[in-house]
Amino acid sequence: PRGSNGNGSDGIGMPGSAGTAYPRVSRDPLRQLMSGT
């Protein structure tokens, strides 16, 4: 179902292909900067 992750979209896959079986690994520098644990 759309919005299953609470943000109005499926939350995985690429733009225009909501519901694909692989999550996105962001190449955005800011997201990379904040992705550590």
PDB file of all heavy atoms in Angstrom:
ATOM      1  N   PRO A   1       0.834  -1.203   0.000  1.00  0.00           N
ATOM      2  CA  PRO A   1       0.000   0.000   0.000  1.00  0.00           C
ATOM      3  C   PRO A   1       0.865   1.247   0.000  1.00  0.00           C
ATOM      4  O   PRO A   1       1.887   1.299   0.665  1.00  0.00           O
ATOM      5  CB  PRO A   1      -0.803  -0.106   1.309  1.00  0.00           C
ATOM      6  CG  PRO A   1      -0.682  -1.532   1.725  1.00  0.00           C
ATOM      7  CD  PRO A   1       0.606  -2.037   1.188  1.00  0.00           C
ATOM      8  N   ARG A   2       0.430   2.241  -0.758  1.00  0.00           N
ATOM      9  CA  ARG A   2       1.151   3.508  -0.750  1.00  0.00           C
ATOM     10  C   ARG A   2       1.078   4.133   0.630  1.00  0.00           C
ATOM     11  O   ARG A   2       0.074   4.037   1.318  1.00  0.00           O
ATOM     12  CB  ARG A   2       0.578   4.465  -1.795  1.00  0.00           C
ATOM     13  CG  ARG A   2       0.873   4.032  -3.222  1.00  0.00           C
ATOM     14  CD  ARG A   2       0.426   5.102  -4.210  1.00  0.00           C
ATOM     15  NE  ARG A   2       1.078   6.373  -3.980  1.00  0.00           N
ATOM     16  CZ  ARG A   2       2.320   6.651  -4.356  1.00  0.00           C
ATOM     17  NH1 ARG A   2       3.042   5.724  -4.952  1.00  0.00           N
ATOM     18  NH2 ARG A   2       2.831   7.853  -4.129  1.00  0.00           N
ATOM     19  N   GLY A   3       2.175   4.764   1.010  1.00  0.00           N
ATOM     20  CA  GLY A   3       2.190   5.425   2.311  1.00  0.00           C
ATOM     21  C   GLY A   3       2.461   4.488   3.458  1.00  0.00           C
ATOM     22  O   GLY A   3       2.275   4.841   4.613  1.00  0.00           O
ATOM     23  N   SER A   4       2.953   3.268   3.155  1.00  0.00           N
ATOM     24  CA  SER A   4       3.177   2.307   4.228  1.00  0.00           C
ATOM     25  C   SER A   4       4.280   2.732   5.175  1.00  0.00           C
ATOM     26  O   SER A   4       4.388   2.212   6.269  1.00  0.00           O
ATOM     27  CB  SER A   4       3.520   0.931   3.634  1.00  0.00           C
ATOM     28  OG  SER A   4       4.696   1.010   2.848  1.00  0.00           O
ATOM     29  N   ASN A   5       5.134   3.657   4.746  1.00  0.00           N
ATOM     30  CA  ASN A   5       6.175   4.129   5.671  1.00  0.00           C
ATOM     31  C   ASN A   5       5.824   5.467   6.280  1.00  0.00           C
ATOM     32  O   ASN A   5       6.640   6.109   6.909  1.00  0.00           O
ATOM     33  CB  ASN A   5       7.534   4.204   4.956  1.00  0.00           C
ATOM     34  CG  ASN A   5       7.557   5.299   3.897  1.00  0.00           C
ATOM     35  OD1 ASN A   5       6.519   5.860   3.571  1.00  0.00           O
ATOM     36  ND2 ASN A   5       8.740   5.587   3.370  1.00  0.00           N
ATOM     37  N   GLY A   6       4.587   5.927   6.077  1.00  0.00           N
ATOM     38  CA  GLY A   6       4.119   7.109   6.770  1.00  0.00           C
ATOM     39  C   GLY A   6       4.445   8.421   6.101  1.00  0.00           C
ATOM     40  O   GLY A   6       4.128   9.476   6.628  1.00  0.00           O
ATOM     41  N   ASN A   7       5.075   8.381   4.907  1.00  0.00           N
ATOM     42  CA  ASN A   7       5.410   9.656   4.273  1.00  0.00           C
ATOM     43  C   ASN A   7       4.715   9.841   2.933  1.00  0.00           C
ATOM     44  O   ASN A   7       5.119  10.660   2.122  1.00  0.00           O
ATOM     45  CB  ASN A   7       6.931   9.798   4.111  1.00  0.00           C
ATOM     46  CG  ASN A   7       7.508   8.745   3.176  1.00  0.00           C
ATOM     47  OD1 ASN A   7       6.767   7.960   2.596  1.00  0.00           O
ATOM     48  ND2 ASN A   7       8.830   8.739   3.050  1.00  0.00           N
ATOM     49  N   GLY A   8       3.691   9.047   2.665  1.00  0.00           N
ATOM     50  CA  GLY A   8       2.915   9.251   1.454  1.00  0.00           C
ATOM     51  C   GLY A   8       3.452   8.531   0.247  1.00  0.00           C
ATOM     52  O   GLY A   8       2.928   8.648  -0.840  1.00  0.00           O
ATOM     53  N   SER A   9       4.535   7.784   0.410  1.00  0.00           N
ATOM     54  CA  SER A   9       5.069   6.997  -0.699  1.00  0.00           C
ATOM     55  C   SER A   9       5.630   5.718  -0.139  1.00  0.00           C
ATOM     56  O   SER A   9       5.726   5.518   1.066  1.00  0.00           O
ATOM     57  CB  SER A   9       6.171   7.775  -1.436  1.00  0.00           C
ATOM     58  OG  SER A   9       7.274   7.949  -0.591  1.00  0.00           O
ATOM     59  N   ASP A  10       6.002   4.837  -1.027  1.00  0.00           N
ATOM     60  CA  ASP A  10       6.466   3.535  -0.563  1.00  0.00           C
ATOM     61  C   ASP A  10       7.798   3.627   0.165  1.00  0.00           C
ATOM     62  O   ASP A  10       8.076   2.852   1.054  1.00  0.00           O
ATOM     63  CB  ASP A  10       6.588   2.587  -1.770  1.00  0.00           C
ATOM     64  CG  ASP A  10       6.915   1.183  -1.333  1.00  0.00           C
ATOM     65  OD1 ASP A  10       6.002   0.497  -0.871  1.00  0.00           O
ATOM     66  OD2 ASP A  10       8.088   0.816  -1.413  1.00  0.00           O
ATOM     67  N   GLY A  11       8.650   4.560  -0.256  1.00  0.00           N
ATOM     68  CA  GLY A  11       9.887   4.786   0.480  1.00  0.00           C
ATOM     69  C   GLY A  11      11.054   3.980   0.000  1.00  0.00           C
ATOM     70  O   GLY A  11      12.147   4.133   0.494  1.00  0.00           O
ATOM     71  N   ILE A  12      10.870   3.082  -0.976  1.00  0.00           N
ATOM     72  CA  ILE A  12      12.011   2.382  -1.541  1.00  0.00           C
ATOM     73  C   ILE A  12      11.937   2.491  -3.046  1.00  0.00           C
ATOM     74  O   ILE A  12      10.910   2.815  -3.616  1.00  0.00           O
ATOM     75  CB  ILE A  12      12.052   0.902  -1.110  1.00  0.00           C
ATOM     76  CG1 ILE A  12      10.795   0.158  -1.607  1.00  0.00           C
ATOM     77  CG2 ILE A  12      12.186   0.758   0.375  1.00  0.00           C
ATOM     78  CD1 ILE A  12      10.848  -1.314  -1.374  1.00  0.00           C
ATOM     79  N   GLY A  13      13.033   2.187  -3.700  1.00  0.00           N
ATOM     80  CA  GLY A  13      13.059   2.269  -5.153  1.00  0.00           C
ATOM     81  C   GLY A  13      13.426   3.650  -5.628  1.00  0.00           C
ATOM     82  O   GLY A  13      13.774   4.528  -4.861  1.00  0.00           O
ATOM     83  N   MET A  14      13.332   3.855  -6.927  1.00  0.00           N
ATOM     84  CA  MET A  14      13.712   5.117  -7.533  1.00  0.00           C
ATOM     85  C   MET A  14      12.476   5.939  -7.829  1.00  0.00           C
ATOM     86  O   MET A  14      11.359   5.422  -7.866  1.00  0.00           O
ATOM     87  CB  MET A  14      14.488   4.845  -8.830  1.00  0.00           C
ATOM     88  CG  MET A  14      15.774   4.072  -8.611  1.00  0.00           C
ATOM     89  SD  MET A  14      16.639   3.795 -10.144  1.00  0.00           S
ATOM     90  CE  MET A  14      15.448   2.798 -11.025  1.00  0.00           C
ATOM     91  N   PRO A  15      12.668   7.239  -8.067  1.00  0.00           N
ATOM     92  CA  PRO A  15      11.520   8.075  -8.398  1.00  0.00           C
ATOM     93  C   PRO A  15      10.757   7.510  -9.592  1.00  0.00           C
ATOM     94  O   PRO A  15      11.361   7.098 -10.586  1.00  0.00           O
ATOM     95  CB  PRO A  15      12.157   9.433  -8.737  1.00  0.00           C
ATOM     96  CG  PRO A  15      13.453   9.426  -8.005  1.00  0.00           C
ATOM     97  CD  PRO A  15      13.906   8.013  -8.014  1.00  0.00           C
ATOM     98  N   GLY A  16       9.441   7.457  -9.464  1.00  0.00           N
ATOM     99  CA  GLY A  16       8.623   6.949 -10.553  1.00  0.00           C
ATOM    100  C   GLY A  16       8.463   5.447 -10.529  1.00  0.00           C
ATOM    101  O   GLY A  16       7.783   4.878 -11.367  1.00  0.00           O
ATOM    102  N   SER A  17       9.116   4.783  -9.582  1.00  0.00           N
ATOM    103  CA  SER A  17       8.984   3.326  -9.530  1.00  0.00           C
ATOM    104  C   SER A  17       8.768   2.888  -8.098  1.00  0.00           C
ATOM    105  O   SER A  17       9.395   1.961  -7.623  1.00  0.00           O
ATOM    106  CB  SER A  17      10.232   2.660 -10.107  1.00  0.00           C
ATOM    107  OG  SER A  17      11.359   3.002  -9.344  1.00  0.00           O
ATOM    108  N   ALA A  18       7.891   3.616  -7.383  1.00  0.00           N
ATOM    109  CA  ALA A  18       7.609   3.259  -5.997  1.00  0.00           C
ATOM    110  C   ALA A  18       7.190   1.811  -5.916  1.00  0.00           C
ATOM    111  O   ALA A  18       6.339   1.353  -6.651  1.00  0.00           O
ATOM    112  CB  ALA A  18       6.510   4.159  -5.446  1.00  0.00           C
ATOM    113  N   GLY A  19       7.818   1.065  -5.030  1.00  0.00           N
ATOM    114  CA  GLY A  19       7.484  -0.340  -4.894  1.00  0.00           C
ATOM    115  C   GLY A  19       8.528  -1.256  -5.475  1.00  0.00           C
ATOM    116  O   GLY A  19       8.317  -2.455  -5.526  1.00  0.00           O
ATOM    117  N   THR A  20       9.677  -0.723  -5.953  1.00  0.00           N
ATOM    118  CA  THR A  20      10.725  -1.609  -6.446  1.00  0.00           C
ATOM    119  C   THR A  20      11.374  -2.326  -5.284  1.00  0.00           C
ATOM    120  O   THR A  20      11.303  -1.890  -4.149  1.00  0.00           O
ATOM    121  CB  THR A  20      11.787  -0.824  -7.230  1.00  0.00           C
ATOM    122  OG1 THR A  20      12.222   0.257  -6.428  1.00  0.00           O
ATOM    123  CG2 THR A  20      11.224  -0.308  -8.541  1.00  0.00           C
ATOM    124  N   ALA A  21      12.042  -3.422  -5.576  1.00  0.00           N
ATOM    125  CA  ALA A  21      12.500  -4.320  -4.520  1.00  0.00           C
ATOM    126  C   ALA A  21      13.869  -3.959  -3.978  1.00  0.00           C
ATOM    127  O   ALA A  21      14.491  -4.771  -3.321  1.00  0.00           O
ATOM    128  CB  ALA A  21      12.520  -5.746  -5.055  1.00  0.00           C
ATOM    129  N   TYR A  22      14.393  -2.786  -4.232  1.00  0.00           N
ATOM    130  CA  TYR A  22      15.691  -2.410  -3.690  1.00  0.00           C
ATOM    131  C   TYR A  22      15.608  -0.991  -3.153  1.00  0.00           C
ATOM    132  O   TYR A  22      15.019  -0.120  -3.766  1.00  0.00           O
ATOM    133  CB  TYR A  22      16.787  -2.502  -4.757  1.00  0.00           C
ATOM    134  CG  TYR A  22      16.433  -1.893  -6.074  1.00  0.00           C
ATOM    135  CD1 TYR A  22      16.649  -0.537  -6.317  1.00  0.00           C
ATOM    136  CD2 TYR A  22      15.858  -2.659  -7.085  1.00  0.00           C
ATOM    137  CE1 TYR A  22      16.303   0.034  -7.516  1.00  0.00           C
ATOM    138  CE2 TYR A  22      15.504  -2.094  -8.291  1.00  0.00           C
ATOM    139  CZ  TYR A  22      15.734  -0.745  -8.505  1.00  0.00           C
ATOM    140  OH  TYR A  22      15.388  -0.184  -9.695  1.00  0.00           O
ATOM    141  N   PRO A  23      16.178  -0.748  -1.981  1.00  0.00           N
ATOM    142  CA  PRO A  23      16.166   0.603  -1.428  1.00  0.00           C
ATOM    143  C   PRO A  23      17.229   1.456  -2.089  1.00  0.00           C
ATOM    144  O   PRO A  23      18.203   0.944  -2.628  1.00  0.00           O
ATOM    145  CB  PRO A  23      16.491   0.374   0.052  1.00  0.00           C
ATOM    146  CG  PRO A  23      17.320  -0.853   0.042  1.00  0.00           C
ATOM    147  CD  PRO A  23      16.799  -1.707  -1.068  1.00  0.00           C
ATOM    148  N   ARG A  24      17.061   2.762  -2.013  1.00  0.00           N
ATOM    149  CA  ARG A  24      18.031   3.676  -2.584  1.00  0.00           C
ATOM    150  C   ARG A  24      19.201   3.886  -1.630  1.00  0.00           C
ATOM    151  O   ARG A  24      19.017   3.977  -0.430  1.00  0.00           O
ATOM    152  CB  ARG A  24      17.373   5.009  -2.881  1.00  0.00           C
ATOM    153  CG  ARG A  24      16.278   4.924  -3.899  1.00  0.00           C
ATOM    154  CD  ARG A  24      15.635   6.265  -4.114  1.00  0.00           C
ATOM    155  NE  ARG A  24      16.600   7.242  -4.613  1.00  0.00           N
ATOM    156  CZ  ARG A  24      16.258   8.453  -5.034  1.00  0.00           C
ATOM    157  NH1 ARG A  24      15.000   8.824  -5.008  1.00  0.00           N
ATOM    158  NH2 ARG A  24      17.168   9.288  -5.462  1.00  0.00           N
ATOM    159  N   VAL A  25      20.401   3.927  -2.179  1.00  0.00           N
ATOM    160  CA  VAL A  25      21.579   4.328  -1.421  1.00  0.00           C
ATOM    161  C   VAL A  25      21.941   5.729  -1.905  1.00  0.00           C
ATOM    162  O   VAL A  25      22.385   5.909  -3.026  1.00  0.00           O
ATOM    163  CB  VAL A  25      22.753   3.353  -1.637  1.00  0.00           C
ATOM    164  CG1 VAL A  25      23.983   3.834  -0.873  1.00  0.00           C
ATOM    165  CG2 VAL A  25      22.362   1.951  -1.204  1.00  0.00           C
ATOM    166  N   SER A  26      21.715   6.717  -1.069  1.00  0.00           N
ATOM    167  CA  SER A  26      21.830   8.096  -1.506  1.00  0.00           C
ATOM    168  C   SER A  26      23.265   8.461  -1.856  1.00  0.00           C
ATOM    169  O   SER A  26      24.208   8.053  -1.183  1.00  0.00           O
ATOM    170  CB  SER A  26      21.327   9.035  -0.412  1.00  0.00           C
ATOM    171  OG  SER A  26      21.535  10.378  -0.791  1.00  0.00           O
ATOM    172  N   ARG A  27      23.407   9.242  -2.903  1.00  0.00           N
ATOM    173  CA  ARG A  27      24.704   9.809  -3.259  1.00  0.00           C
ATOM    174  C   ARG A  27      24.783  11.277  -2.874  1.00  0.00           C
ATOM    175  O   ARG A  27      25.739  11.959  -3.231  1.00  0.00           O
ATOM    176  CB  ARG A  27      24.952   9.642  -4.753  1.00  0.00           C
ATOM    177  CG  ARG A  27      25.152   8.181  -5.153  1.00  0.00           C
ATOM    178  CD  ARG A  27      25.408   8.053  -6.632  1.00  0.00           C
ATOM    179  NE  ARG A  27      25.596   6.660  -7.004  1.00  0.00           N
ATOM    180  CZ  ARG A  27      25.764   6.243  -8.261  1.00  0.00           C
ATOM    181  NH1 ARG A  27      25.765   7.117  -9.237  1.00  0.00           N
ATOM    182  NH2 ARG A  27      25.932   4.965  -8.519  1.00  0.00           N
ATOM    183  N   ASP A  28      23.792  11.774  -2.188  1.00  0.00           N
ATOM    184  CA  ASP A  28      23.799  13.144  -1.743  1.00  0.00           C
ATOM    185  C   ASP A  28      24.851  13.302  -0.642  1.00  0.00           C
ATOM    186  O   ASP A  28      24.817  12.596   0.365  1.00  0.00           O
ATOM    187  CB  ASP A  28      22.424  13.519  -1.200  1.00  0.00           C
ATOM    188  CG  ASP A  28      22.413  14.921  -0.629  1.00  0.00           C
ATOM    189  OD1 ASP A  28      22.601  15.864  -1.401  1.00  0.00           O
ATOM    190  OD2 ASP A  28      22.233  15.055   0.606  1.00  0.00           O
ATOM    191  N   PRO A  29      25.801  14.246  -0.802  1.00  0.00           N
ATOM    192  CA  PRO A  29      26.880  14.380   0.191  1.00  0.00           C
ATOM    193  C   PRO A  29      26.388  14.608   1.611  1.00  0.00           C
ATOM    194  O   PRO A  29      26.940  14.064   2.566  1.00  0.00           O
ATOM    195  CB  PRO A  29      27.684  15.572  -0.330  1.00  0.00           C
ATOM    196  CG  PRO A  29      27.413  15.614  -1.790  1.00  0.00           C
ATOM    197  CD  PRO A  29      25.984  15.165  -1.946  1.00  0.00           C
ATOM    198  N   LEU A  30      25.355  15.420   1.772  1.00  0.00           N
ATOM    199  CA  LEU A  30      24.859  15.701   3.112  1.00  0.00           C
ATOM    200  C   LEU A  30      24.281  14.445   3.756  1.00  0.00           C
ATOM    201  O   LEU A  30      24.483  14.185   4.943  1.00  0.00           O
ATOM    202  CB  LEU A  30      23.806  16.807   3.072  1.00  0.00           C
ATOM    203  CG  LEU A  30      23.244  17.237   4.427  1.00  0.00           C
ATOM    204  CD1 LEU A  30      24.369  17.698   5.350  1.00  0.00           C
ATOM    205  CD2 LEU A  30      22.213  18.340   4.259  1.00  0.00           C
ATOM    206  N   ARG A  31      23.566  13.643   2.976  1.00  0.00           N
ATOM    207  CA  ARG A  31      23.030  12.389   3.516  1.00  0.00           C
ATOM    208  C   ARG A  31      24.163  11.428   3.882  1.00  0.00           C
ATOM    209  O   ARG A  31      24.101  10.725   4.876  1.00  0.00           O
ATOM    210  CB  ARG A  31      22.072  11.735   2.516  1.00  0.00           C
ATOM    211  CG  ARG A  31      20.722  12.451   2.399  1.00  0.00           C
ATOM    212  CD  ARG A  31      19.807  11.700   1.437  1.00  0.00           C
ATOM    213  NE  ARG A  31      18.496  12.306   1.392  1.00  0.00           N
ATOM    214  CZ  ARG A  31      17.502  12.001   2.213  1.00  0.00           C
ATOM    215  NH1 ARG A  31      17.692  11.087   3.151  1.00  0.00           N
ATOM    216  NH2 ARG A  31      16.330  12.587   2.109  1.00  0.00           N
ATOM    217  N   GLN A  32      25.214  11.390   3.051  1.00  0.00           N
ATOM    218  CA  GLN A  32      26.363  10.552   3.365  1.00  0.00           C
ATOM    219  C   GLN A  32      27.033  11.020   4.653  1.00  0.00           C
ATOM    220  O   GLN A  32      27.454  10.212   5.473  1.00  0.00           O
ATOM    221  CB  GLN A  32      27.365  10.580   2.209  1.00  0.00           C
ATOM    222  CG  GLN A  32      26.872   9.902   0.946  1.00  0.00           C
ATOM    223  CD  GLN A  32      27.882  10.004  -0.183  1.00  0.00           C
ATOM    224  OE1 GLN A  32      28.879  10.716  -0.075  1.00  0.00           O
ATOM    225  NE2 GLN A  32      27.624   9.306  -1.276  1.00  0.00           N
ATOM    226  N   LEU A  33      27.114  12.345   4.810  1.00  0.00           N
ATOM    227  CA  LEU A  33      27.751  12.912   5.994  1.00  0.00           C
ATOM    228  C   LEU A  33      27.039  12.482   7.265  1.00  0.00           C
ATOM    229  O   LEU A  33      27.671  12.227   8.292  1.00  0.00           O
ATOM    230  CB  LEU A  33      27.744  14.434   5.876  1.00  0.00           C
ATOM    231  CG  LEU A  33      28.637  15.232   6.813  1.00  0.00           C
ATOM    232  CD1 LEU A  33      30.094  15.034   6.440  1.00  0.00           C
ATOM    233  CD2 LEU A  33      28.285  16.713   6.761  1.00  0.00           C
ATOM    234  N   MET A  34      25.714  12.375   7.198  1.00  0.00           N
ATOM    235  CA  MET A  34      24.919  12.113   8.391  1.00  0.00           C
ATOM    236  C   MET A  34      24.512  10.646   8.532  1.00  0.00           C
ATOM    237  O   MET A  34      23.674  10.303   9.359  1.00  0.00           O
ATOM    238  CB  MET A  34      23.651  12.980   8.367  1.00  0.00           C
ATOM    239  CG  MET A  34      23.924  14.474   8.278  1.00  0.00           C
ATOM    240  SD  MET A  34      24.964  15.081   9.631  1.00  0.00           S
ATOM    241  CE  MET A  34      23.871  14.808  11.013  1.00  0.00           C
ATOM    242  N   SER A  35      25.085   9.765   7.718  1.00  0.00           N
ATOM    243  CA  SER A  35      24.623   8.378   7.700  1.00  0.00           C
ATOM    244  C   SER A  35      25.361   7.463   8.668  1.00  0.00           C
ATOM    245  O   SER A  35      25.033   6.299   8.792  1.00  0.00           O
ATOM    246  CB  SER A  35      24.760   7.802   6.285  1.00  0.00           C
ATOM    247  OG  SER A  35      26.137   7.729   5.921  1.00  0.00           O
ATOM    248  N   GLY A  36      26.378   7.971   9.350  1.00  0.00           N
ATOM    249  CA  GLY A  36      27.174   7.107  10.225  1.00  0.00           C
ATOM    250  C   GLY A  36      26.462   6.772  11.522  1.00  0.00           C
ATOM    251  O   GLY A  36      25.471   7.403  11.904  1.00  0.00           O
ATOM    252  N   THR A  37      26.959   5.789  12.209  1.00  0.00           N
ATOM    253  CA  THR A  37      26.425   5.380  13.508  1.00  0.00           C
ATOM    254  C   THR A  37      27.541   5.422  14.539  1.00  0.00           C
ATOM    255  O   THR A  37      28.613   4.875  14.315  1.00  0.00           O
ATOM    256  CB  THR A  37      25.846   3.954  13.442  1.00  0.00           C
ATOM    257  OG1 THR A  37      24.793   3.928  12.472  1.00  0.00           O
ATOM    258  CG2 THR A  37      25.280   3.551  14.800  1.00  0.00           C
TER     259      THR A  37
END
